Amino acid sequence: GIEQADILELDKQVRLRRYDGQHDFAFEWHPDLELVWLIDGDQERYSLDLLNRMYDYLSKNGECYFIEIFEDNQFIPIGDVTLFADDFAIAIGDKRYWKKGIGTKVLHRMIERARDVGLEEMLVEEIYDWNTGSRKLFEKCGFEAVEKTKKGWSYKMIL
């Protein structure tokens, strides 16, 4: 019952744009086996069908946004983020933007958004043991590992 924002500004260079049904450009990221290993924990390349089903699920079950960077006088998508009532997902798909502080900015803004929509806590179903970058990001932003999973840990932050 809460209206999803069209744009969430982070700063002059980074914003979140509401998912609009168009995601063909994301197919450039999702066949990357390193990215798939970090976010899905397996080595199965994404097909267009799997990508379509993923974005359909994300957009119907949470607030799905594209992470965009301002370059060459335009915003270009580099990843996505989805806030669910009982989970959270973030992926910076374009490797050129890894380890640049963008994930931290996005996570801080999504924590604000979770508070805005009345959530009392944020949950991350699972971050794999080998995804040290994501584990460090969430811990740095105040999340705690709360339960061991098959391949990693679930994380929680009380808002």
N, C-alpha and C. Protein backbone atom coordinates (compact mmCIF):
# COMPACT_ATOMS: atom_id res chain seq x y z
N GLY A 1 0.80 -1.21 0.00
CA GLY A 1 0.00 0.00 0.00
C GLY A 1 0.83 1.26 0.00
N ILE A 2 2.14 1.14 -0.06
CA ILE A 2 3.02 2.30 -0.05
C ILE A 2 3.53 2.53 -1.47
N GLU A 3 3.44 3.76 -1.92
CA GLU A 3 3.86 4.11 -3.28
C GLU A 3 5.38 4.05 -3.39
N GLN A 4 5.85 3.32 -4.37
CA GLN A 4 7.29 3.25 -4.62
C GLN A 4 7.74 4.54 -5.30
N ALA A 5 8.86 5.06 -4.86
CA ALA A 5 9.41 6.28 -5.45
C ALA A 5 9.92 6.00 -6.86
N ASP A 6 9.78 6.97 -7.76
CA ASP A 6 10.32 6.83 -9.11
C ASP A 6 11.83 6.98 -9.12
N ILE A 7 12.33 7.95 -8.35
CA ILE A 7 13.76 8.23 -8.26
C ILE A 7 14.12 8.43 -6.80
N LEU A 8 15.19 7.79 -6.36
CA LEU A 8 15.78 8.06 -5.05
C LEU A 8 17.18 8.61 -5.31
N GLU A 9 17.36 9.89 -5.02
CA GLU A 9 18.66 10.53 -5.24
C GLU A 9 19.61 10.14 -4.11
N LEU A 10 20.84 9.81 -4.46
CA LEU A 10 21.86 9.55 -3.46
C LEU A 10 22.82 10.72 -3.39
N ASP A 11 23.24 11.21 -4.55
CA ASP A 11 24.05 12.41 -4.69
C ASP A 11 23.98 12.81 -6.16
N LYS A 12 24.82 13.74 -6.59
CA LYS A 12 24.75 14.21 -7.98
C LYS A 12 25.20 13.15 -8.99
N GLN A 13 25.92 12.14 -8.53
CA GLN A 13 26.47 11.13 -9.43
C GLN A 13 25.75 9.79 -9.39
N VAL A 14 25.00 9.54 -8.32
CA VAL A 14 24.39 8.23 -8.13
C VAL A 14 22.92 8.39 -7.77
N ARG A 15 22.08 7.60 -8.41
CA ARG A 15 20.66 7.60 -8.07
C ARG A 15 20.10 6.19 -8.24
N LEU A 16 18.91 5.99 -7.70
CA LEU A 16 18.17 4.76 -7.87
C LEU A 16 16.92 5.10 -8.68
N ARG A 17 16.70 4.35 -9.76
CA ARG A 17 15.55 4.57 -10.61
C ARG A 17 14.63 3.36 -10.55
N ARG A 18 13.38 3.63 -10.30
CA ARG A 18 12.38 2.56 -10.19
C ARG A 18 12.41 1.65 -11.42
N TYR A 19 12.34 0.36 -11.18
CA TYR A 19 12.29 -0.61 -12.27
C TYR A 19 11.06 -0.34 -13.12
N ASP A 20 11.25 -0.27 -14.44
CA ASP A 20 10.16 0.10 -15.35
C ASP A 20 9.80 -1.00 -16.35
N GLY A 21 10.27 -2.20 -16.12
CA GLY A 21 9.98 -3.29 -17.03
C GLY A 21 11.04 -3.51 -18.09
N GLN A 22 11.95 -2.56 -18.24
CA GLN A 22 13.03 -2.66 -19.23
C GLN A 22 14.32 -3.08 -18.52
N HIS A 23 14.91 -4.17 -18.96
CA HIS A 23 16.13 -4.63 -18.30
C HIS A 23 17.10 -5.34 -19.23
N ASP A 24 16.91 -5.18 -20.54
CA ASP A 24 17.79 -5.88 -21.49
C ASP A 24 19.27 -5.57 -21.25
N PHE A 25 19.58 -4.33 -20.87
CA PHE A 25 20.97 -3.94 -20.64
C PHE A 25 21.61 -4.75 -19.52
N ALA A 26 20.80 -5.24 -18.58
CA ALA A 26 21.33 -6.01 -17.45
C ALA A 26 21.85 -7.38 -17.89
N PHE A 27 21.48 -7.81 -19.07
CA PHE A 27 21.98 -9.10 -19.56
C PHE A 27 23.48 -9.06 -19.77
N GLU A 28 24.05 -7.87 -19.92
CA GLU A 28 25.51 -7.74 -20.04
C GLU A 28 26.20 -8.18 -18.75
N TRP A 29 25.57 -7.98 -17.59
CA TRP A 29 26.20 -8.32 -16.31
C TRP A 29 25.96 -9.76 -15.90
N HIS A 30 24.74 -10.21 -16.05
CA HIS A 30 24.33 -11.47 -15.42
C HIS A 30 24.91 -12.75 -16.01
N PRO A 31 25.45 -12.76 -17.21
CA PRO A 31 26.15 -13.98 -17.64
C PRO A 31 27.56 -14.11 -17.03
N ASP A 32 28.03 -13.08 -16.34
CA ASP A 32 29.36 -13.10 -15.75
C ASP A 32 29.39 -14.12 -14.61
N LEU A 33 30.22 -15.14 -14.74
CA LEU A 33 30.23 -16.22 -13.76
C LEU A 33 30.70 -15.77 -12.38
N GLU A 34 31.59 -14.79 -12.31
CA GLU A 34 32.03 -14.29 -11.00
C GLU A 34 30.86 -13.63 -10.28
N LEU A 35 30.10 -12.81 -10.99
CA LEU A 35 28.93 -12.16 -10.38
C LEU A 35 27.89 -13.20 -9.97
N VAL A 36 27.63 -14.16 -10.84
CA VAL A 36 26.65 -15.21 -10.52
C VAL A 36 27.09 -15.98 -9.28
N TRP A 37 28.36 -16.29 -9.16
CA TRP A 37 28.88 -17.01 -8.00
C TRP A 37 28.67 -16.20 -6.72
N LEU A 38 28.89 -14.90 -6.79
CA LEU A 38 28.74 -14.05 -5.60
C LEU A 38 27.29 -13.88 -5.18
N ILE A 39 26.37 -13.75 -6.15
CA ILE A 39 24.98 -13.46 -5.77
C ILE A 39 24.08 -14.69 -5.72
N ASP A 40 24.40 -15.72 -6.51
CA ASP A 40 23.55 -16.91 -6.55
C ASP A 40 24.21 -18.15 -5.96
N GLY A 41 25.52 -18.11 -5.80
CA GLY A 41 26.22 -19.25 -5.21
C GLY A 41 26.32 -20.45 -6.12
N ASP A 42 26.20 -20.23 -7.43
CA ASP A 42 26.38 -21.32 -8.37
C ASP A 42 27.06 -20.79 -9.63
N GLN A 43 27.26 -21.65 -10.58
CA GLN A 43 27.97 -21.28 -11.80
C GLN A 43 27.08 -21.36 -13.03
N GLU A 44 25.77 -21.20 -12.85
CA GLU A 44 24.84 -21.27 -13.97
C GLU A 44 24.66 -19.87 -14.58
N ARG A 45 25.07 -19.72 -15.83
CA ARG A 45 24.91 -18.44 -16.52
C ARG A 45 23.43 -18.10 -16.67
N TYR A 46 23.15 -16.83 -16.61
CA TYR A 46 21.77 -16.37 -16.80
C TYR A 46 21.40 -16.43 -18.27
N SER A 47 20.22 -16.92 -18.53
CA SER A 47 19.63 -16.83 -19.87
C SER A 47 18.71 -15.61 -19.85
N LEU A 48 18.25 -15.20 -21.02
CA LEU A 48 17.27 -14.10 -21.06
C LEU A 48 16.00 -14.49 -20.31
N ASP A 49 15.58 -15.74 -20.41
CA ASP A 49 14.40 -16.20 -19.70
C ASP A 49 14.58 -16.10 -18.20
N LEU A 50 15.73 -16.53 -17.69
CA LEU A 50 15.98 -16.45 -16.25
C LEU A 50 16.04 -14.99 -15.80
N LEU A 51 16.66 -14.13 -16.59
CA LEU A 51 16.72 -12.71 -16.26
C LEU A 51 15.32 -12.11 -16.21
N ASN A 52 14.48 -12.46 -17.19
CA ASN A 52 13.10 -11.97 -17.19
C ASN A 52 12.35 -12.43 -15.95
N ARG A 53 12.50 -13.71 -15.60
CA ARG A 53 11.80 -14.23 -14.41
C ARG A 53 12.33 -13.58 -13.14
N MET A 54 13.63 -13.31 -13.08
CA MET A 54 14.21 -12.67 -11.90
C MET A 54 13.63 -11.27 -11.70
N TYR A 55 13.63 -10.45 -12.74
CA TYR A 55 13.11 -9.09 -12.60
C TYR A 55 11.60 -9.08 -12.37
N ASP A 56 10.90 -10.03 -12.94
CA ASP A 56 9.47 -10.15 -12.68
C ASP A 56 9.24 -10.41 -11.19
N TYR A 57 10.00 -11.33 -10.63
CA TYR A 57 9.87 -11.66 -9.20
C TYR A 57 10.25 -10.45 -8.34
N LEU A 58 11.40 -9.84 -8.63
CA LEU A 58 11.86 -8.71 -7.82
C LEU A 58 10.85 -7.58 -7.82
N SER A 59 10.34 -7.24 -8.99
CA SER A 59 9.43 -6.09 -9.09
C SER A 59 8.06 -6.37 -8.51
N LYS A 60 7.62 -7.60 -8.50
CA LYS A 60 6.30 -7.93 -7.95
C LYS A 60 6.32 -8.16 -6.44
N ASN A 61 7.51 -8.44 -5.89
CA ASN A 61 7.59 -8.79 -4.47
C ASN A 61 8.34 -7.78 -3.62
N GLY A 62 8.86 -6.73 -4.23
CA GLY A 62 9.59 -5.73 -3.48
C GLY A 62 9.69 -4.44 -4.26
N GLU A 63 10.42 -3.49 -3.70
CA GLU A 63 10.72 -2.25 -4.41
C GLU A 63 12.03 -2.45 -5.15
N CYS A 64 11.96 -2.58 -6.45
CA CYS A 64 13.13 -2.85 -7.28
C CYS A 64 13.57 -1.56 -7.97
N TYR A 65 14.86 -1.27 -7.88
CA TYR A 65 15.45 -0.08 -8.49
C TYR A 65 16.71 -0.46 -9.26
N PHE A 66 17.01 0.33 -10.30
CA PHE A 66 18.31 0.24 -10.95
C PHE A 66 19.23 1.26 -10.30
N ILE A 67 20.45 0.85 -10.06
CA ILE A 67 21.49 1.74 -9.57
C ILE A 67 22.07 2.42 -10.81
N GLU A 68 22.06 3.75 -10.82
CA GLU A 68 22.53 4.47 -12.00
C GLU A 68 23.63 5.47 -11.62
N ILE A 69 24.59 5.61 -12.54
CA ILE A 69 25.72 6.53 -12.40
C ILE A 69 25.61 7.59 -13.49
N PHE A 70 25.90 8.83 -13.13
CA PHE A 70 25.88 9.92 -14.11
C PHE A 70 27.24 9.99 -14.81
N GLU A 71 27.23 9.68 -16.10
CA GLU A 71 28.45 9.74 -16.92
C GLU A 71 28.06 10.20 -18.32
N ASP A 72 28.93 10.96 -18.93
CA ASP A 72 28.70 11.44 -20.30
C ASP A 72 27.34 12.11 -20.43
N ASN A 73 27.01 12.95 -19.45
CA ASN A 73 25.77 13.74 -19.43
C ASN A 73 24.49 12.90 -19.42
N GLN A 74 24.58 11.68 -18.89
CA GLN A 74 23.38 10.86 -18.76
C GLN A 74 23.56 9.85 -17.63
N PHE A 75 22.45 9.36 -17.11
CA PHE A 75 22.51 8.30 -16.12
C PHE A 75 22.52 6.96 -16.83
N ILE A 76 23.45 6.10 -16.42
CA ILE A 76 23.54 4.76 -17.00
C ILE A 76 23.38 3.72 -15.88
N PRO A 77 22.64 2.65 -16.12
CA PRO A 77 22.45 1.63 -15.09
C PRO A 77 23.69 0.76 -14.94
N ILE A 78 24.04 0.48 -13.67
CA ILE A 78 25.21 -0.36 -13.39
C ILE A 78 24.87 -1.52 -12.47
N GLY A 79 23.64 -1.58 -11.98
CA GLY A 79 23.27 -2.64 -11.06
C GLY A 79 21.83 -2.48 -10.63
N ASP A 80 21.44 -3.29 -9.66
CA ASP A 80 20.07 -3.20 -9.16
C ASP A 80 20.03 -3.48 -7.66
N VAL A 81 18.93 -3.05 -7.06
CA VAL A 81 18.73 -3.24 -5.62
C VAL A 81 17.23 -3.42 -5.39
N THR A 82 16.89 -4.33 -4.48
CA THR A 82 15.48 -4.57 -4.17
C THR A 82 15.29 -4.69 -2.67
N LEU A 83 14.33 -3.95 -2.18
CA LEU A 83 13.94 -4.00 -0.77
C LEU A 83 12.66 -4.80 -0.65
N PHE A 84 12.72 -5.89 0.10
CA PHE A 84 11.55 -6.71 0.40
C PHE A 84 11.22 -6.52 1.87
N ALA A 85 10.02 -6.92 2.27
CA ALA A 85 9.66 -6.89 3.69
C ALA A 85 10.53 -7.86 4.48
N ASP A 86 10.96 -8.95 3.84
CA ASP A 86 11.72 -9.98 4.57
C ASP A 86 13.03 -10.37 3.89
N ASP A 87 13.55 -9.51 3.03
CA ASP A 87 14.83 -9.79 2.39
C ASP A 87 15.32 -8.51 1.73
N PHE A 88 16.56 -8.55 1.26
CA PHE A 88 17.17 -7.40 0.61
C PHE A 88 18.19 -7.95 -0.38
N ALA A 89 18.26 -7.35 -1.56
CA ALA A 89 19.20 -7.80 -2.58
C ALA A 89 19.84 -6.59 -3.25
N ILE A 90 21.14 -6.67 -3.43
CA ILE A 90 21.87 -5.62 -4.14
C ILE A 90 22.92 -6.29 -5.02
N ALA A 91 23.07 -5.78 -6.23
CA ALA A 91 24.11 -6.27 -7.14
C ALA A 91 24.60 -5.11 -7.99
N ILE A 92 25.88 -4.84 -7.88
CA ILE A 92 26.50 -3.91 -8.82
C ILE A 92 27.08 -4.80 -9.91
N GLY A 93 26.38 -4.82 -11.03
CA GLY A 93 26.71 -5.76 -12.09
C GLY A 93 27.91 -5.36 -12.93
N ASP A 94 28.11 -4.06 -13.10
CA ASP A 94 29.22 -3.57 -13.90
C ASP A 94 30.47 -3.52 -13.01
N LYS A 95 31.40 -4.42 -13.26
CA LYS A 95 32.58 -4.56 -12.40
C LYS A 95 33.45 -3.30 -12.31
N ARG A 96 33.33 -2.43 -13.29
CA ARG A 96 34.12 -1.19 -13.23
C ARG A 96 33.75 -0.34 -12.02
N TYR A 97 32.61 -0.61 -11.42
CA TYR A 97 32.13 0.20 -10.29
C TYR A 97 32.20 -0.54 -8.96
N TRP A 98 32.86 -1.68 -8.94
CA TRP A 98 33.08 -2.39 -7.69
C TRP A 98 34.14 -1.65 -6.88
N LYS A 99 34.00 -1.68 -5.57
CA LYS A 99 34.98 -1.12 -4.63
C LYS A 99 35.19 0.37 -4.82
N LYS A 100 34.09 1.07 -5.11
CA LYS A 100 34.15 2.53 -5.28
C LYS A 100 33.25 3.25 -4.28
N GLY A 101 32.68 2.52 -3.33
CA GLY A 101 31.82 3.13 -2.32
C GLY A 101 30.36 3.26 -2.73
N ILE A 102 30.02 2.81 -3.92
CA ILE A 102 28.64 2.93 -4.40
C ILE A 102 27.71 2.04 -3.60
N GLY A 103 28.14 0.82 -3.32
CA GLY A 103 27.31 -0.09 -2.52
C GLY A 103 26.97 0.49 -1.16
N THR A 104 27.93 1.17 -0.54
CA THR A 104 27.69 1.80 0.76
C THR A 104 26.64 2.89 0.65
N LYS A 105 26.76 3.73 -0.37
CA LYS A 105 25.77 4.79 -0.58
C LYS A 105 24.38 4.20 -0.80
N VAL A 106 24.30 3.17 -1.63
CA VAL A 106 23.01 2.55 -1.94
C VAL A 106 22.42 1.92 -0.68
N LEU A 107 23.22 1.19 0.06
CA LEU A 107 22.70 0.53 1.26
C LEU A 107 22.23 1.56 2.29
N HIS A 108 22.98 2.63 2.50
CA HIS A 108 22.53 3.68 3.43
C HIS A 108 21.18 4.26 2.99
N ARG A 109 21.03 4.51 1.69
CA ARG A 109 19.77 5.08 1.20
C ARG A 109 18.62 4.09 1.34
N MET A 110 18.89 2.82 1.15
CA MET A 110 17.83 1.82 1.28
C MET A 110 17.46 1.58 2.74
N ILE A 111 18.39 1.79 3.65
CA ILE A 111 18.05 1.75 5.08
C ILE A 111 17.07 2.88 5.39
N GLU A 112 17.34 4.08 4.85
CA GLU A 112 16.40 5.20 5.01
C GLU A 112 15.05 4.86 4.42
N ARG A 113 15.05 4.25 3.23
CA ARG A 113 13.79 3.90 2.57
C ARG A 113 13.02 2.88 3.40
N ALA A 114 13.71 1.91 3.96
CA ALA A 114 13.04 0.91 4.81
C ALA A 114 12.36 1.59 6.00
N ARG A 115 13.02 2.56 6.58
CA ARG A 115 12.39 3.32 7.69
C ARG A 115 11.19 4.11 7.18
N ASP A 116 11.35 4.73 6.00
CA ASP A 116 10.26 5.52 5.42
C ASP A 116 9.00 4.70 5.20
N VAL A 117 9.16 3.44 4.81
CA VAL A 117 7.99 2.60 4.53
C VAL A 117 7.51 1.85 5.78
N GLY A 118 8.15 2.10 6.92
CA GLY A 118 7.66 1.55 8.18
C GLY A 118 8.21 0.20 8.59
N LEU A 119 9.28 -0.25 7.95
CA LEU A 119 9.87 -1.51 8.38
C LEU A 119 10.57 -1.32 9.72
N GLU A 120 10.52 -2.33 10.55
CA GLU A 120 11.18 -2.28 11.85
C GLU A 120 12.55 -2.94 11.83
N GLU A 121 12.78 -3.74 10.79
CA GLU A 121 14.07 -4.38 10.63
C GLU A 121 14.30 -4.65 9.15
N MET A 122 15.58 -4.81 8.81
CA MET A 122 15.95 -5.23 7.45
C MET A 122 16.63 -6.57 7.56
N LEU A 123 16.25 -7.46 6.67
CA LEU A 123 16.81 -8.80 6.67
C LEU A 123 17.49 -9.08 5.34
N VAL A 124 18.54 -9.86 5.40
CA VAL A 124 19.20 -10.38 4.21
C VAL A 124 19.20 -11.89 4.40
N GLU A 125 18.50 -12.57 3.50
CA GLU A 125 18.32 -14.02 3.66
C GLU A 125 19.64 -14.77 3.73
N GLU A 126 20.57 -14.43 2.82
CA GLU A 126 21.86 -15.13 2.84
C GLU A 126 22.90 -14.35 2.08
N ILE A 127 24.07 -14.23 2.72
CA ILE A 127 25.28 -13.76 2.05
C ILE A 127 26.27 -14.90 2.17
N TYR A 128 26.76 -15.34 1.03
CA TYR A 128 27.64 -16.51 0.99
C TYR A 128 28.98 -16.22 1.67
N ASP A 129 29.57 -17.27 2.26
CA ASP A 129 30.84 -17.12 2.97
C ASP A 129 31.93 -16.52 2.09
N TRP A 130 31.94 -16.85 0.80
CA TRP A 130 32.99 -16.38 -0.10
C TRP A 130 32.74 -14.95 -0.61
N ASN A 131 31.58 -14.38 -0.31
CA ASN A 131 31.28 -13.02 -0.77
C ASN A 131 31.72 -12.03 0.32
N THR A 132 33.02 -11.94 0.50
CA THR A 132 33.56 -11.11 1.58
C THR A 132 33.24 -9.63 1.39
N GLY A 133 33.16 -9.17 0.14
CA GLY A 133 32.83 -7.76 -0.10
C GLY A 133 31.45 -7.43 0.43
N SER A 134 30.46 -8.25 0.16
CA SER A 134 29.10 -8.01 0.66
C SER A 134 29.03 -8.14 2.18
N ARG A 135 29.71 -9.13 2.71
CA ARG A 135 29.69 -9.30 4.17
C ARG A 135 30.26 -8.05 4.85
N LYS A 136 31.38 -7.56 4.37
CA LYS A 136 32.00 -6.36 4.94
C LYS A 136 31.08 -5.15 4.79
N LEU A 137 30.45 -5.00 3.63
CA LEU A 137 29.54 -3.88 3.38
C LEU A 137 28.41 -3.87 4.40
N PHE A 138 27.73 -4.98 4.54
CA PHE A 138 26.58 -5.03 5.45
C PHE A 138 27.01 -4.86 6.90
N GLU A 139 28.11 -5.46 7.29
CA GLU A 139 28.59 -5.29 8.67
C GLU A 139 28.99 -3.85 8.94
N LYS A 140 29.65 -3.21 7.97
CA LYS A 140 30.06 -1.81 8.11
C LYS A 140 28.85 -0.89 8.28
N CYS A 141 27.73 -1.26 7.65
CA CYS A 141 26.53 -0.43 7.70
C CYS A 141 25.61 -0.78 8.88
N GLY A 142 26.04 -1.68 9.75
CA GLY A 142 25.30 -1.95 10.98
C GLY A 142 24.51 -3.24 11.02
N PHE A 143 24.63 -4.08 10.01
CA PHE A 143 23.95 -5.38 10.03
C PHE A 143 24.77 -6.37 10.84
N GLU A 144 24.08 -7.33 11.43
CA GLU A 144 24.74 -8.39 12.18
C GLU A 144 24.39 -9.74 11.58
N ALA A 145 25.37 -10.63 11.54
CA ALA A 145 25.11 -12.01 11.13
C ALA A 145 24.30 -12.66 12.24
N VAL A 146 23.15 -13.23 11.87
CA VAL A 146 22.25 -13.75 12.92
C VAL A 146 22.00 -15.25 12.85
N GLU A 147 22.19 -15.84 11.68
CA GLU A 147 21.92 -17.27 11.57
C GLU A 147 22.78 -17.88 10.47
N LYS A 148 23.43 -19.00 10.81
CA LYS A 148 24.23 -19.72 9.82
C LYS A 148 23.29 -20.39 8.83
N THR A 149 23.62 -20.25 7.55
CA THR A 149 22.86 -20.90 6.48
C THR A 149 23.76 -21.99 5.87
N LYS A 150 23.25 -22.66 4.86
CA LYS A 150 24.03 -23.74 4.25
C LYS A 150 25.35 -23.24 3.67
N LYS A 151 25.32 -22.06 3.02
CA LYS A 151 26.52 -21.56 2.34
C LYS A 151 27.04 -20.24 2.90
N GLY A 152 26.42 -19.72 3.95
CA GLY A 152 26.85 -18.43 4.48
C GLY A 152 26.12 -18.07 5.75
N TRP A 153 25.63 -16.83 5.79
CA TRP A 153 24.93 -16.30 6.96
C TRP A 153 23.77 -15.42 6.53
N SER A 154 22.73 -15.39 7.34
CA SER A 154 21.70 -14.39 7.17
C SER A 154 22.04 -13.20 8.05
N TYR A 155 21.62 -12.03 7.63
CA TYR A 155 21.97 -10.79 8.33
C TYR A 155 20.70 -10.03 8.68
N LYS A 156 20.81 -9.21 9.74
CA LYS A 156 19.66 -8.43 10.19
C LYS A 156 20.15 -7.09 10.75
N MET A 157 19.30 -6.09 10.55
CA MET A 157 19.51 -4.79 11.17
C MET A 157 18.17 -4.33 11.75
N ILE A 158 18.20 -4.00 13.03
CA ILE A 158 17.01 -3.44 13.68
C ILE A 158 17.00 -1.95 13.34
N LEU A 159 15.85 -1.49 12.82
CA LEU A 159 15.75 -0.09 12.41
C LEU A 159 15.20 0.73 13.56
